[in-house]
Structure formats: C-alpha cells, structure tokens
Amino acid sequence: MSDVRPAQDHPSDSTPPEGLVHALLLDGTGACSPYDWSMVGDWTPDEGSLWLHFDFEDESAQNWLRNESGLNDIAFSSLTNAETRPRALNRGDNLLLTLRGINMNPGQEPDDMVSLRIWTNGTKLISTRRRNLISTDDVLDELDAGNGPRNTVELLVVWTERITGRMTDTIEGFEDNVLVIEERLLSGETTGIRTELAALRKQIISVRRYLSPQREAMNRLVAENLSWLDDLNRLRLREINDRLIRHIEDMDEVRDRAVLAQEELASRIAEQMNARSYLFTVAAVIFLPLGFLTGLMGINVGGMPGIDNDNAFWIVVLLSALVGIGLTLIFKMRRWL
C-alpha cells in the first residue's frame, strides 16, 4: 500500500497555506529557488527535487496536507502528530522519518528537543515542524551559498547530518559541566553542587530519552530497501549513525560520572556531619564530669569545703582544668582524638 493517494480532481488553491514555511526547488547544483505555489500540484520530478516545509499547527497547512498533498491517512497522521518519538517507516519507496534535534532556540533548554517529521519518495520531500530547528537553517544557508544538497536524497542525508552535528556542542557542554563539578568536589567545595548535579542529570536523561530510539530509527533507515538510496548515501547515513552512537556513549559516560560525583558529594557531606558530631561528642564528654563537679560544688548546704576559704574558687577552677586536661590526654592516648 502506497503513502500517496490519487490526486484530487479539483485544482489546488493558488494561495499558499499560512503554515507554509517554504517551497523550494533544488536545482541539482547545490542551490535552490522558491517554487511557485500555484504550480505545486503540477510539479514533476523532471523539474528538480521539490522541498515543501510546513508548520503543522497551522490549520490551513493541515487542510492542504490532508486534502491536497496526495498523502494517505498514515502519512498525514505522522506529519501532524503533536507527540512523536524518533522512528523510520517505509512503504515501498516512500519513507516516513521522525527525528529529534537539540533545542538551540534563544531562551530554550537544550533538553526540550525539537521534533522533525519527514515524508519523501526520493524526488519530493514534505516536512513539518512545530518549532524552528537550527539545523534546518544550516541547510538553508548552504543552499543559499550554492553548496547545499543537490537532490532530495542528499537533502535527507545532509539534514540528518546537521541535526546530529548540532548535538556535539551540547554534549560537550555536559562534559564540561561535570568536569567543573568534579574539580569543585576535589577542592572540598559542596555548596550548590547537589542542585547543579540534579539539573545536569535531568538534562542528560531528557536528551537520551530521544537519542536511543533515534539510533534505532537511523539503523532502520540504513537497512531499508529504498531504490533511490544509493550505496554512497547509505555509507554517509551509517557514518552519521556512528556519530550518534558516540554521542550516546559520551552521554552515558557523563551520566555515570554525575552519579559518582553525587555519591562523592553524599560521602563528603556525611563525613562533614560525622566530624561535627564527633567534635560535639568529645566536647560533651569532656564537660560532663566538669559539669558534675561544678554542680556538686554549687550545692548550697552547710558543710561544703572551702566556704570560709578565700582561695576555694580558684582551687575549684584548677581542679576542673586538671580534670579536662587529664581527659584530653586519655583520649589522645586511646587515639580517640
């Protein structure tokens, strides 16, 4: 069963949907040109590779995808589903691919990953997104410079490569953060580290949640029997997947180091608490007999020695000091201090 339905009898509206981000025709030399929307319905592969990119949250874009694109319900649902996980699915020579990229938009957290949905048959590519993906801008910049992808297959490969490449800085940032935390722990600092470790582990878990299924999607994409995916581009996709696997392995290492750092932090905090408790205990043991002695001497009853002696107070102080020094020496000899 194909992902493409027979074309509708009525012509497409010449007014592009508000959710159309761009309609581009790749010229085969690494550049592109805007494609007239009124001609989309009559486009043929002989003209070049067509790239239609939409914001799927726009209602008019959804209407076009549902009624005018020629895609079946499965393809339409995949391109407009709000909740997605990375996956690859083919029907014949038609490919459905869902990917996730690092969120590098201003003011956004990198672990709030941006989804990308792609349908292609090797000559035409329809993609949808909800938020802007910086990797898409990278591809457009290359096309504007005339050294971008020459056809739909290269567009798919280059786009996937830019998505994976954009992860490098974020993952290196995770490594730098955990290294700084480790150095602070070695220097004996513990203030604020627990919060930083919790935030770092949360980001790693969130990013890795999508990278693992994305690795599986890339594996399946490389293995799919698509007639338009030649050996050279399969090799490039395999290299991209290897880089993605290295990113996952690096994140696993950072995660393990963060766990070890958290255990070290807990150990250091426990040591500090034990040291303080130890000092309090020693002080209490030393002053306990002194407190007993001074309390005994403070009984206001007749017959207490030294009542009529002017030096009795200093004698009691001296005795208390001798008891304290004696207890300290005993603790030293027993290596309790």
C-alpha atoms as a PDB file:
ATOM      1  CA  MET A   1       0.000   0.000   0.000  1.00  0.00           C
ATOM      2  CA  SER A   2       1.440   3.361  -1.012  1.00  0.00           C
ATOM      3  CA  ASP A   3       1.589   6.530   1.096  1.00  0.00           C
ATOM      4  CA  VAL A   4       0.338   8.519  -1.885  1.00  0.00           C
ATOM      5  CA  ARG A   5      -3.336   8.719  -2.831  1.00  0.00           C
ATOM      6  CA  PRO A   6      -4.603   9.579  -6.285  1.00  0.00           C
ATOM      7  CA  ALA A   7      -4.595  13.308  -6.949  1.00  0.00           C
ATOM      8  CA  GLN A   8      -7.794  15.232  -6.300  1.00  0.00           C
ATOM      9  CA  ASP A   9      -9.902  16.266  -9.288  1.00  0.00           C
ATOM     10  CA  HIS A  10     -10.105  19.893  -8.177  1.00  0.00           C
ATOM     11  CA  PRO A  11      -7.029  22.099  -8.522  1.00  0.00           C
ATOM     12  CA  SER A  12      -5.094  23.347  -5.511  1.00  0.00           C
ATOM     13  CA  ASP A  13      -5.661  26.864  -4.271  1.00  0.00           C
ATOM     14  CA  SER A  14      -3.026  29.228  -5.683  1.00  0.00           C
ATOM     15  CA  THR A  15      -2.754  30.893  -2.258  1.00  0.00           C
ATOM     16  CA  PRO A  16      -0.197  29.042  -0.123  1.00  0.00           C
ATOM     17  CA  PRO A  17      -1.253  27.949   3.379  1.00  0.00           C
ATOM     18  CA  GLU A  18      -0.225  30.295   6.177  1.00  0.00           C
ATOM     19  CA  GLY A  19       1.674  27.392   7.688  1.00  0.00           C
ATOM     20  CA  LEU A  20       3.939  27.028   4.656  1.00  0.00           C
ATOM     21  CA  VAL A  21       7.475  27.782   5.801  1.00  0.00           C
ATOM     22  CA  HIS A  22       8.957  27.451   2.333  1.00  0.00           C
ATOM     23  CA  ALA A  23       8.542  25.724  -1.020  1.00  0.00           C
ATOM     24  CA  LEU A  24      11.920  25.224  -2.675  1.00  0.00           C
ATOM     25  CA  LEU A  25      13.109  23.571  -5.859  1.00  0.00           C
ATOM     26  CA  LEU A  26      16.623  22.108  -5.715  1.00  0.00           C
ATOM     27  CA  ASP A  27      18.389  22.831  -8.971  1.00  0.00           C
ATOM     28  CA  GLY A  28      20.816  19.894  -8.892  1.00  0.00           C
ATOM     29  CA  THR A  29      23.909  22.057  -8.411  1.00  0.00           C
ATOM     30  CA  GLY A  30      23.714  22.750  -4.674  1.00  0.00           C
ATOM     31  CA  ALA A  31      21.434  25.771  -4.887  1.00  0.00           C
ATOM     32  CA  CYS A  32      17.678  26.239  -4.829  1.00  0.00           C
ATOM     33  CA  SER A  33      14.963  28.661  -5.860  1.00  0.00           C
ATOM     34  CA  PRO A  34      11.478  29.435  -4.485  1.00  0.00           C
ATOM     35  CA  TYR A  35       8.780  27.398  -6.155  1.00  0.00           C
ATOM     36  CA  ASP A  36       5.510  28.978  -7.231  1.00  0.00           C
ATOM     37  CA  TRP A  37       2.798  27.546  -5.005  1.00  0.00           C
ATOM     38  CA  SER A  38       0.247  27.594  -7.802  1.00  0.00           C
ATOM     39  CA  MET A  39       2.431  25.103  -9.685  1.00  0.00           C
ATOM     40  CA  VAL A  40       2.887  22.634  -6.802  1.00  0.00           C
ATOM     41  CA  GLY A  41       0.014  20.453  -7.983  1.00  0.00           C
ATOM     42  CA  ASP A  42       1.555  20.193 -11.478  1.00  0.00           C
ATOM     43  CA  TRP A  43       5.133  19.593 -10.327  1.00  0.00           C
ATOM     44  CA  THR A  44       7.001  16.711 -11.980  1.00  0.00           C
ATOM     45  CA  PRO A  45      10.384  15.173 -10.990  1.00  0.00           C
ATOM     46  CA  ASP A  46      11.842  16.403 -14.282  1.00  0.00           C
ATOM     47  CA  GLU A  47      11.794  19.964 -12.896  1.00  0.00           C
ATOM     48  CA  GLY A  48      14.033  19.062  -9.955  1.00  0.00           C
ATOM     49  CA  SER A  49      13.640  17.962  -6.345  1.00  0.00           C
ATOM     50  CA  LEU A  50      10.780  19.691  -4.521  1.00  0.00           C
ATOM     51  CA  TRP A  51      11.009  20.507  -0.807  1.00  0.00           C
ATOM     52  CA  LEU A  52       7.833  21.620   0.987  1.00  0.00           C
ATOM     53  CA  HIS A  53       8.238  22.612   4.629  1.00  0.00           C
ATOM     54  CA  PHE A  54       5.227  23.366   6.867  1.00  0.00           C
ATOM     55  CA  ASP A  55       4.302  24.411  10.367  1.00  0.00           C
ATOM     56  CA  PHE A  56       1.848  21.608  11.062  1.00  0.00           C
ATOM     57  CA  GLU A  57      -0.002  23.523  13.806  1.00  0.00           C
ATOM     58  CA  ASP A  58      -1.487  25.824  11.186  1.00  0.00           C
ATOM     59  CA  GLU A  59      -4.986  24.698  10.203  1.00  0.00           C
ATOM     60  CA  SER A  60      -4.614  25.646   6.546  1.00  0.00           C
ATOM     61  CA  ALA A  61      -1.394  23.614   6.333  1.00  0.00           C
ATOM     62  CA  GLN A  62      -3.180  20.629   7.852  1.00  0.00           C
ATOM     63  CA  ASN A  63      -6.026  21.029   5.347  1.00  0.00           C
ATOM     64  CA  TRP A  64      -3.595  21.006   2.441  1.00  0.00           C
ATOM     65  CA  LEU A  65      -1.709  18.008   3.795  1.00  0.00           C
ATOM     66  CA  ARG A  66      -4.954  16.123   4.336  1.00  0.00           C
ATOM     67  CA  ASN A  67      -6.788  17.029   1.118  1.00  0.00           C
ATOM     68  CA  GLU A  68      -4.303  18.266  -1.488  1.00  0.00           C
ATOM     69  CA  SER A  69      -0.937  16.617  -0.826  1.00  0.00           C
ATOM     70  CA  GLY A  70      -1.998  13.168  -2.033  1.00  0.00           C
ATOM     71  CA  LEU A  71      -0.668  11.533   1.141  1.00  0.00           C
ATOM     72  CA  ASN A  72      -2.706   8.816   2.804  1.00  0.00           C
ATOM     73  CA  ASP A  73      -4.012   8.941   6.365  1.00  0.00           C
ATOM     74  CA  ILE A  74      -0.979   7.222   7.868  1.00  0.00           C
ATOM     75  CA  ALA A  75       1.459   9.685   6.305  1.00  0.00           C
ATOM     76  CA  PHE A  76      -0.782  12.643   7.216  1.00  0.00           C
ATOM     77  CA  SER A  77      -1.029  11.480  10.830  1.00  0.00           C
ATOM     78  CA  SER A  78       2.743  11.049  11.074  1.00  0.00           C
ATOM     79  CA  LEU A  79       3.364  14.547   9.715  1.00  0.00           C
ATOM     80  CA  THR A  80       0.871  16.254  12.032  1.00  0.00           C
ATOM     81  CA  ASN A  81       1.028  14.219  15.243  1.00  0.00           C
ATOM     82  CA  ALA A  82       1.929  16.501  18.157  1.00  0.00           C
ATOM     83  CA  GLU A  83       3.576  13.752  20.241  1.00  0.00           C
ATOM     84  CA  THR A  84       6.267  11.825  18.415  1.00  0.00           C
ATOM     85  CA  ARG A  85       9.258   9.634  19.039  1.00  0.00           C
ATOM     86  CA  PRO A  86      12.060   9.076  16.513  1.00  0.00           C
ATOM     87  CA  ARG A  87      11.209   6.315  14.065  1.00  0.00           C
ATOM     88  CA  ALA A  88      11.601   5.255  10.437  1.00  0.00           C
ATOM     89  CA  LEU A  89       8.874   3.577   8.401  1.00  0.00           C
ATOM     90  CA  ASN A  90       8.769   2.774   4.711  1.00  0.00           C
ATOM     91  CA  ARG A  91       6.096   1.601   2.313  1.00  0.00           C
ATOM     92  CA  GLY A  92       7.682   0.686  -0.960  1.00  0.00           C
ATOM     93  CA  ASP A  93       9.845   3.633  -1.956  1.00  0.00           C
ATOM     94  CA  ASN A  94       8.013   6.054   0.365  1.00  0.00           C
ATOM     95  CA  LEU A  95       9.750   6.884   3.631  1.00  0.00           C
ATOM     96  CA  LEU A  96       8.361   8.343   6.840  1.00  0.00           C
ATOM     97  CA  LEU A  97      11.062   9.590   9.198  1.00  0.00           C
ATOM     98  CA  THR A  98      10.698  11.323  12.555  1.00  0.00           C
ATOM     99  CA  LEU A  99      13.763  12.844  14.228  1.00  0.00           C
ATOM    100  CA  ARG A 100      14.594  14.993  17.221  1.00  0.00           C
ATOM    101  CA  GLY A 101      17.152  17.780  17.385  1.00  0.00           C
ATOM    102  CA  ILE A 102      18.701  19.812  20.178  1.00  0.00           C
ATOM    103  CA  ASN A 103      16.647  22.896  21.009  1.00  0.00           C
ATOM    104  CA  MET A 104      19.047  25.768  20.381  1.00  0.00           C
ATOM    105  CA  ASN A 105      16.400  28.476  20.115  1.00  0.00           C
ATOM    106  CA  PRO A 106      17.066  31.546  22.323  1.00  0.00           C
ATOM    107  CA  GLY A 107      15.827  31.168  25.875  1.00  0.00           C
ATOM    108  CA  GLN A 108      15.092  27.439  25.483  1.00  0.00           C
ATOM    109  CA  GLU A 109      16.586  24.451  27.268  1.00  0.00           C
ATOM    110  CA  PRO A 110      18.553  22.045  25.047  1.00  0.00           C
ATOM    111  CA  ASP A 111      16.829  19.001  26.561  1.00  0.00           C
ATOM    112  CA  ASP A 112      13.451  20.295  25.302  1.00  0.00           C
ATOM    113  CA  MET A 113      14.205  18.672  21.961  1.00  0.00           C
ATOM    114  CA  VAL A 114      12.586  19.838  18.710  1.00  0.00           C
ATOM    115  CA  SER A 115      10.824  17.258  16.567  1.00  0.00           C
ATOM    116  CA  LEU A 116      11.018  16.998  12.786  1.00  0.00           C
ATOM    117  CA  ARG A 117       8.717  14.927  10.571  1.00  0.00           C
ATOM    118  CA  ILE A 118       9.691  13.953   7.031  1.00  0.00           C
ATOM    119  CA  TRP A 119       7.968  12.155   4.155  1.00  0.00           C
ATOM    120  CA  THR A 120       9.809  11.542   0.915  1.00  0.00           C
ATOM    121  CA  ASN A 121       9.661   9.299  -2.129  1.00  0.00           C
ATOM    122  CA  GLY A 122      13.168  10.143  -3.322  1.00  0.00           C
ATOM    123  CA  THR A 123      12.134  13.022  -5.595  1.00  0.00           C
ATOM    124  CA  LYS A 124       9.808  15.099  -3.400  1.00  0.00           C
ATOM    125  CA  LEU A 125      10.211  15.807   0.296  1.00  0.00           C
ATOM    126  CA  ILE A 126       7.465  17.102   2.604  1.00  0.00           C
ATOM    127  CA  SER A 127       8.499  18.048   6.117  1.00  0.00           C
ATOM    128  CA  THR A 128       6.674  19.530   9.086  1.00  0.00           C
ATOM    129  CA  ARG A 129       7.686  21.094  12.370  1.00  0.00           C
ATOM    130  CA  ARG A 130       6.155  22.969  15.272  1.00  0.00           C
ATOM    131  CA  ARG A 131       9.231  24.903  16.421  1.00  0.00           C
ATOM    132  CA  ASN A 132      12.182  26.093  14.432  1.00  0.00           C
ATOM    133  CA  LEU A 133      15.164  23.761  14.237  1.00  0.00           C
ATOM    134  CA  ILE A 134      18.541  25.460  13.839  1.00  0.00           C
ATOM    135  CA  SER A 135      19.753  22.525  11.740  1.00  0.00           C
ATOM    136  CA  THR A 136      17.145  23.470   9.134  1.00  0.00           C
ATOM    137  CA  ASP A 137      18.624  26.957   8.974  1.00  0.00           C
ATOM    138  CA  ASP A 138      22.052  25.370   8.443  1.00  0.00           C
ATOM    139  CA  VAL A 139      20.776  23.502   5.389  1.00  0.00           C
ATOM    140  CA  LEU A 140      19.083  26.626   4.021  1.00  0.00           C
ATOM    141  CA  ASP A 141      22.292  28.637   4.482  1.00  0.00           C
ATOM    142  CA  GLU A 142      24.205  26.044   2.481  1.00  0.00           C
ATOM    143  CA  LEU A 143      21.601  26.143  -0.289  1.00  0.00           C
ATOM    144  CA  ASP A 144      21.758  29.953  -0.352  1.00  0.00           C
ATOM    145  CA  ALA A 145      25.543  29.716  -0.670  1.00  0.00           C
ATOM    146  CA  GLY A 146      25.209  27.259  -3.570  1.00  0.00           C
ATOM    147  CA  ASN A 147      26.940  24.348  -1.834  1.00  0.00           C
ATOM    148  CA  GLY A 148      23.937  22.578  -0.364  1.00  0.00           C
ATOM    149  CA  PRO A 149      22.254  19.281  -1.219  1.00  0.00           C
ATOM    150  CA  ARG A 150      21.643  18.717  -4.925  1.00  0.00           C
ATOM    151  CA  ASN A 151      18.613  16.459  -4.679  1.00  0.00           C
ATOM    152  CA  THR A 152      16.106  15.001  -2.247  1.00  0.00           C
ATOM    153  CA  VAL A 153      18.342  12.126  -1.170  1.00  0.00           C
ATOM    154  CA  GLU A 154      21.223  14.464  -0.355  1.00  0.00           C
ATOM    155  CA  LEU A 155      18.785  16.795   1.393  1.00  0.00           C
ATOM    156  CA  LEU A 156      17.703  13.963   3.674  1.00  0.00           C
ATOM    157  CA  VAL A 157      21.296  12.939   4.384  1.00  0.00           C
ATOM    158  CA  VAL A 158      22.639  16.468   4.911  1.00  0.00           C
ATOM    159  CA  TRP A 159      19.703  17.448   7.098  1.00  0.00           C
ATOM    160  CA  THR A 160      20.208  14.368   9.278  1.00  0.00           C
ATOM    161  CA  GLU A 161      23.919  15.106   9.456  1.00  0.00           C
ATOM    162  CA  ARG A 162      23.325  18.689  10.604  1.00  0.00           C
ATOM    163  CA  ILE A 163      20.863  17.515  13.265  1.00  0.00           C
ATOM    164  CA  THR A 164      23.424  15.077  14.652  1.00  0.00           C
ATOM    165  CA  GLY A 165      26.281  17.552  14.330  1.00  0.00           C
ATOM    166  CA  ARG A 166      24.396  20.194  16.300  1.00  0.00           C
ATOM    167  CA  MET A 167      24.328  17.813  19.275  1.00  0.00           C
ATOM    168  CA  THR A 168      28.106  17.976  19.687  1.00  0.00           C
ATOM    169  CA  ASP A 169      28.298  21.339  21.466  1.00  0.00           C
ATOM    170  CA  THR A 170      25.517  20.436  23.877  1.00  0.00           C
ATOM    171  CA  ILE A 171      27.058  17.085  24.826  1.00  0.00           C
ATOM    172  CA  GLU A 172      30.493  18.672  25.202  1.00  0.00           C
ATOM    173  CA  GLY A 173      28.798  21.220  27.449  1.00  0.00           C
ATOM    174  CA  PHE A 174      27.517  18.360  29.614  1.00  0.00           C
ATOM    175  CA  GLU A 175      31.073  17.000  29.831  1.00  0.00           C
ATOM    176  CA  ASP A 176      32.471  20.415  30.781  1.00  0.00           C
ATOM    177  CA  ASN A 177      29.821  20.860  33.478  1.00  0.00           C
ATOM    178  CA  VAL A 178      30.501  17.521  35.126  1.00  0.00           C
ATOM    179  CA  LEU A 179      34.264  18.195  34.954  1.00  0.00           C
ATOM    180  CA  VAL A 180      33.815  21.518  36.776  1.00  0.00           C
ATOM    181  CA  ILE A 181      31.684  19.800  39.420  1.00  0.00           C
ATOM    182  CA  GLU A 182      34.332  17.095  39.914  1.00  0.00           C
ATOM    183  CA  GLU A 183      37.057  19.714  40.343  1.00  0.00           C
ATOM    184  CA  ARG A 184      34.967  21.585  42.911  1.00  0.00           C
ATOM    185  CA  LEU A 185      34.392  18.373  44.822  1.00  0.00           C
ATOM    186  CA  LEU A 186      38.119  17.613  44.834  1.00  0.00           C
ATOM    187  CA  SER A 187      38.773  21.056  46.276  1.00  0.00           C
ATOM    188  CA  GLY A 188      36.342  20.306  49.106  1.00  0.00           C
ATOM    189  CA  GLU A 189      33.500  22.562  47.932  1.00  0.00           C
ATOM    190  CA  THR A 190      29.970  21.242  48.370  1.00  0.00           C
ATOM    191  CA  THR A 191      27.786  24.356  48.287  1.00  0.00           C
ATOM    192  CA  GLY A 192      25.215  24.307  45.476  1.00  0.00           C
ATOM    193  CA  ILE A 193      26.649  21.174  43.843  1.00  0.00           C
ATOM    194  CA  ARG A 194      23.654  19.000  44.659  1.00  0.00           C
ATOM    195  CA  THR A 195      21.303  21.298  42.714  1.00  0.00           C
ATOM    196  CA  GLU A 196      23.691  21.502  39.751  1.00  0.00           C
ATOM    197  CA  LEU A 197      24.068  17.715  39.623  1.00  0.00           C
ATOM    198  CA  ALA A 198      20.307  17.205  39.728  1.00  0.00           C
ATOM    199  CA  ALA A 199      19.789  19.666  36.860  1.00  0.00           C
ATOM    200  CA  LEU A 200      22.585  18.072  34.811  1.00  0.00           C
ATOM    201  CA  ARG A 201      21.235  14.549  35.275  1.00  0.00           C
ATOM    202  CA  LYS A 202      17.733  15.711  34.333  1.00  0.00           C
ATOM    203  CA  GLN A 203      19.008  17.216  31.081  1.00  0.00           C
ATOM    204  CA  ILE A 204      21.002  14.092  30.201  1.00  0.00           C
ATOM    205  CA  ILE A 205      18.031  11.816  30.858  1.00  0.00           C
ATOM    206  CA  SER A 206      15.735  14.016  28.761  1.00  0.00           C
ATOM    207  CA  VAL A 207      18.112  14.132  25.779  1.00  0.00           C
ATOM    208  CA  ARG A 208      18.998  10.449  25.937  1.00  0.00           C
ATOM    209  CA  ARG A 209      15.312   9.555  26.041  1.00  0.00           C
ATOM    210  CA  TYR A 210      15.090  10.534  22.362  1.00  0.00           C
ATOM    211  CA  LEU A 211      18.590   9.668  21.179  1.00  0.00           C
ATOM    212  CA  SER A 212      18.195   5.951  21.862  1.00  0.00           C
ATOM    213  CA  PRO A 213      15.123   5.497  19.606  1.00  0.00           C
ATOM    214  CA  GLN A 214      16.730   7.871  17.103  1.00  0.00           C
ATOM    215  CA  ARG A 215      19.668   5.489  16.857  1.00  0.00           C
ATOM    216  CA  GLU A 216      17.251   2.658  16.126  1.00  0.00           C
ATOM    217  CA  ALA A 217      15.478   4.804  13.516  1.00  0.00           C
ATOM    218  CA  MET A 218      18.799   5.528  11.821  1.00  0.00           C
ATOM    219  CA  ASN A 219      19.703   1.841  11.854  1.00  0.00           C
ATOM    220  CA  ARG A 220      16.426   1.009  10.165  1.00  0.00           C
ATOM    221  CA  LEU A 221      16.828   3.831   7.640  1.00  0.00           C
ATOM    222  CA  VAL A 222      20.216   2.476   6.571  1.00  0.00           C
ATOM    223  CA  ALA A 223      18.797  -1.046   6.261  1.00  0.00           C
ATOM    224  CA  GLU A 224      15.617  -0.085   4.368  1.00  0.00           C
ATOM    225  CA  ASN A 225      15.317  -1.331   0.786  1.00  0.00           C
ATOM    226  CA  LEU A 226      14.769   2.051  -0.892  1.00  0.00           C
ATOM    227  CA  SER A 227      15.644   2.123  -4.562  1.00  0.00           C
ATOM    228  CA  TRP A 228      16.582   5.811  -4.503  1.00  0.00           C
ATOM    229  CA  LEU A 229      19.026   5.437  -1.583  1.00  0.00           C
ATOM    230  CA  ASP A 230      22.360   4.588  -3.219  1.00  0.00           C
ATOM    231  CA  ASP A 231      25.371   2.979  -1.574  1.00  0.00           C
ATOM    232  CA  LEU A 232      27.268   6.243  -1.114  1.00  0.00           C
ATOM    233  CA  ASN A 233      24.431   7.890   0.789  1.00  0.00           C
ATOM    234  CA  ARG A 234      23.875   4.711   2.796  1.00  0.00           C
ATOM    235  CA  LEU A 235      27.512   4.938   3.824  1.00  0.00           C
ATOM    236  CA  ARG A 236      27.053   8.594   4.819  1.00  0.00           C
ATOM    237  CA  LEU A 237      23.988   7.694   6.880  1.00  0.00           C
ATOM    238  CA  ARG A 238      25.949   4.909   8.543  1.00  0.00           C
ATOM    239  CA  GLU A 239      28.676   7.414   9.475  1.00  0.00           C
ATOM    240  CA  ILE A 240      26.046   9.777  10.867  1.00  0.00           C
ATOM    241  CA  ASN A 241      24.615   6.937  12.925  1.00  0.00           C
ATOM    242  CA  ASP A 242      28.085   6.067  14.238  1.00  0.00           C
ATOM    243  CA  ARG A 243      28.480   9.666  15.367  1.00  0.00           C
ATOM    244  CA  LEU A 244      25.076   9.491  17.037  1.00  0.00           C
ATOM    245  CA  ILE A 245      26.143   6.318  18.844  1.00  0.00           C
ATOM    246  CA  ARG A 246      29.290   8.086  20.065  1.00  0.00           C
ATOM    247  CA  HIS A 247      27.108  10.912  21.375  1.00  0.00           C
ATOM    248  CA  ILE A 248      25.007   8.394  23.285  1.00  0.00           C
ATOM    249  CA  GLU A 249      28.132   6.724  24.687  1.00  0.00           C
ATOM    250  CA  ASP A 250      29.510  10.119  25.742  1.00  0.00           C
ATOM    251  CA  MET A 251      26.238  10.911  27.480  1.00  0.00           C
ATOM    252  CA  ASP A 252      26.314   7.558  29.254  1.00  0.00           C
ATOM    253  CA  GLU A 253      29.815   8.383  30.479  1.00  0.00           C
ATOM    254  CA  VAL A 254      28.717  11.824  31.681  1.00  0.00           C
ATOM    255  CA  ARG A 255      25.701  10.262  33.391  1.00  0.00           C
ATOM    256  CA  ASP A 256      27.919   7.736  35.195  1.00  0.00           C
ATOM    257  CA  ARG A 257      30.347  10.449  36.224  1.00  0.00           C
ATOM    258  CA  ALA A 258      27.443  12.525  37.527  1.00  0.00           C
ATOM    259  CA  VAL A 259      26.263   9.533  39.593  1.00  0.00           C
ATOM    260  CA  LEU A 260      29.777   9.064  41.004  1.00  0.00           C
ATOM    261  CA  ALA A 261      30.005  12.784  41.734  1.00  0.00           C
ATOM    262  CA  GLN A 262      26.680  12.638  43.549  1.00  0.00           C
ATOM    263  CA  GLU A 263      27.868   9.668  45.597  1.00  0.00           C
ATOM    264  CA  GLU A 264      31.100  11.506  46.401  1.00  0.00           C
ATOM    265  CA  LEU A 265      29.096  14.571  47.397  1.00  0.00           C
ATOM    266  CA  ALA A 266      26.914  12.489  49.717  1.00  0.00           C
ATOM    267  CA  SER A 267      30.041  10.880  51.186  1.00  0.00           C
ATOM    268  CA  ARG A 268      31.695  14.248  51.815  1.00  0.00           C
ATOM    269  CA  ILE A 269      28.555  15.677  53.396  1.00  0.00           C
ATOM    270  CA  ALA A 270      28.325  12.587  55.629  1.00  0.00           C
ATOM    271  CA  GLU A 271      31.994  12.992  56.591  1.00  0.00           C
ATOM    272  CA  GLN A 272      31.426  16.644  57.474  1.00  0.00           C
ATOM    273  CA  MET A 273      28.388  15.748  59.565  1.00  0.00           C
ATOM    274  CA  ASN A 274      30.304  12.942  61.290  1.00  0.00           C
ATOM    275  CA  ALA A 275      33.231  15.262  62.027  1.00  0.00           C
ATOM    276  CA  ARG A 276      30.940  17.862  63.555  1.00  0.00           C
ATOM    277  CA  SER A 277      29.059  15.234  65.539  1.00  0.00           C
ATOM    278  CA  TYR A 278      32.396  13.840  66.721  1.00  0.00           C
ATOM    279  CA  LEU A 279      33.542  17.229  67.990  1.00  0.00           C
ATOM    280  CA  PHE A 280      30.253  17.808  69.755  1.00  0.00           C
ATOM    281  CA  THR A 281      30.501  14.378  71.364  1.00  0.00           C
ATOM    282  CA  VAL A 282      34.081  14.977  72.541  1.00  0.00           C
ATOM    283  CA  ALA A 283      33.136  18.356  73.965  1.00  0.00           C
ATOM    284  CA  ALA A 284      30.157  16.850  75.754  1.00  0.00           C
ATOM    285  CA  VAL A 285      32.288  14.021  77.223  1.00  0.00           C
ATOM    286  CA  ILE A 286      34.938  16.478  78.441  1.00  0.00           C
ATOM    287  CA  PHE A 287      32.489  18.885  80.019  1.00  0.00           C
ATOM    288  CA  LEU A 288      30.215  16.224  81.505  1.00  0.00           C
ATOM    289  CA  PRO A 289      32.448  15.480  84.566  1.00  0.00           C
ATOM    290  CA  LEU A 290      33.278  19.181  84.861  1.00  0.00           C
ATOM    291  CA  GLY A 291      29.591  19.972  84.908  1.00  0.00           C
ATOM    292  CA  PHE A 292      29.092  17.310  87.580  1.00  0.00           C
ATOM    293  CA  LEU A 293      31.966  18.716  89.643  1.00  0.00           C
ATOM    294  CA  THR A 294      30.840  22.344  89.472  1.00  0.00           C
ATOM    295  CA  GLY A 295      27.252  21.282  90.140  1.00  0.00           C
ATOM    296  CA  LEU A 296      28.361  19.364  93.213  1.00  0.00           C
ATOM    297  CA  MET A 297      30.377  22.289  94.443  1.00  0.00           C
ATOM    298  CA  GLY A 298      27.422  24.601  93.921  1.00  0.00           C
ATOM    299  CA  ILE A 299      25.157  22.831  96.402  1.00  0.00           C
ATOM    300  CA  ASN A 300      24.047  25.483  98.883  1.00  0.00           C
ATOM    301  CA  VAL A 301      24.176  23.375 102.076  1.00  0.00           C
ATOM    302  CA  GLY A 302      26.207  23.526 105.223  1.00  0.00           C
ATOM    303  CA  GLY A 303      29.477  21.691 105.471  1.00  0.00           C
ATOM    304  CA  MET A 304      30.702  22.428 101.966  1.00  0.00           C
ATOM    305  CA  PRO A 305      34.505  22.601 101.986  1.00  0.00           C
ATOM    306  CA  GLY A 306      36.069  25.937 101.215  1.00  0.00           C
ATOM    307  CA  ILE A 307      33.162  28.119 102.256  1.00  0.00           C
ATOM    308  CA  ASP A 308      35.392  30.073 104.590  1.00  0.00           C
ATOM    309  CA  ASN A 309      38.458  29.909 102.289  1.00  0.00           C
ATOM    310  CA  ASP A 310      39.061  32.929 100.010  1.00  0.00           C
ATOM    311  CA  ASN A 311      41.005  30.782  97.536  1.00  0.00           C
ATOM    312  CA  ALA A 312      38.378  27.996  97.268  1.00  0.00           C
ATOM    313  CA  PHE A 313      37.037  29.286  93.923  1.00  0.00           C
ATOM    314  CA  TRP A 314      40.447  29.196  92.270  1.00  0.00           C
ATOM    315  CA  ILE A 315      41.107  25.765  93.702  1.00  0.00           C
ATOM    316  CA  VAL A 316      37.866  24.508  92.046  1.00  0.00           C
ATOM    317  CA  VAL A 317      38.881  26.137  88.748  1.00  0.00           C
ATOM    318  CA  LEU A 318      42.292  24.480  88.913  1.00  0.00           C
ATOM    319  CA  LEU A 319      40.766  21.105  89.671  1.00  0.00           C
ATOM    320  CA  SER A 320      38.350  21.477  86.745  1.00  0.00           C
ATOM    321  CA  ALA A 321      41.205  22.398  84.409  1.00  0.00           C
ATOM    322  CA  LEU A 322      43.234  19.392  85.591  1.00  0.00           C
ATOM    323  CA  VAL A 323      40.266  17.073  85.004  1.00  0.00           C
ATOM    324  CA  GLY A 324      39.758  18.495  81.481  1.00  0.00           C
ATOM    325  CA  ILE A 325      43.465  18.125  80.628  1.00  0.00           C
ATOM    326  CA  GLY A 326      43.516  14.620  82.038  1.00  0.00           C
ATOM    327  CA  LEU A 327      40.520  13.535  79.965  1.00  0.00           C
ATOM    328  CA  THR A 328      42.057  15.055  76.844  1.00  0.00           C
ATOM    329  CA  LEU A 329      45.324  13.142  77.437  1.00  0.00           C
ATOM    330  CA  ILE A 330      43.414   9.902  77.951  1.00  0.00           C
ATOM    331  CA  PHE A 331      41.531  10.446  74.644  1.00  0.00           C
ATOM    332  CA  LYS A 332      44.845  11.159  72.898  1.00  0.00           C
ATOM    333  CA  MET A 333      46.450   8.002  74.291  1.00  0.00           C
ATOM    334  CA  ARG A 334      43.482   5.931  73.107  1.00  0.00           C
ATOM    335  CA  ARG A 335      43.533   7.747  69.752  1.00  0.00           C
ATOM    336  CA  TRP A 336      40.009   8.984  70.140  1.00  0.00           C
ATOM    337  CA  LEU A 337      41.214  12.468  69.163  1.00  0.00           C
END
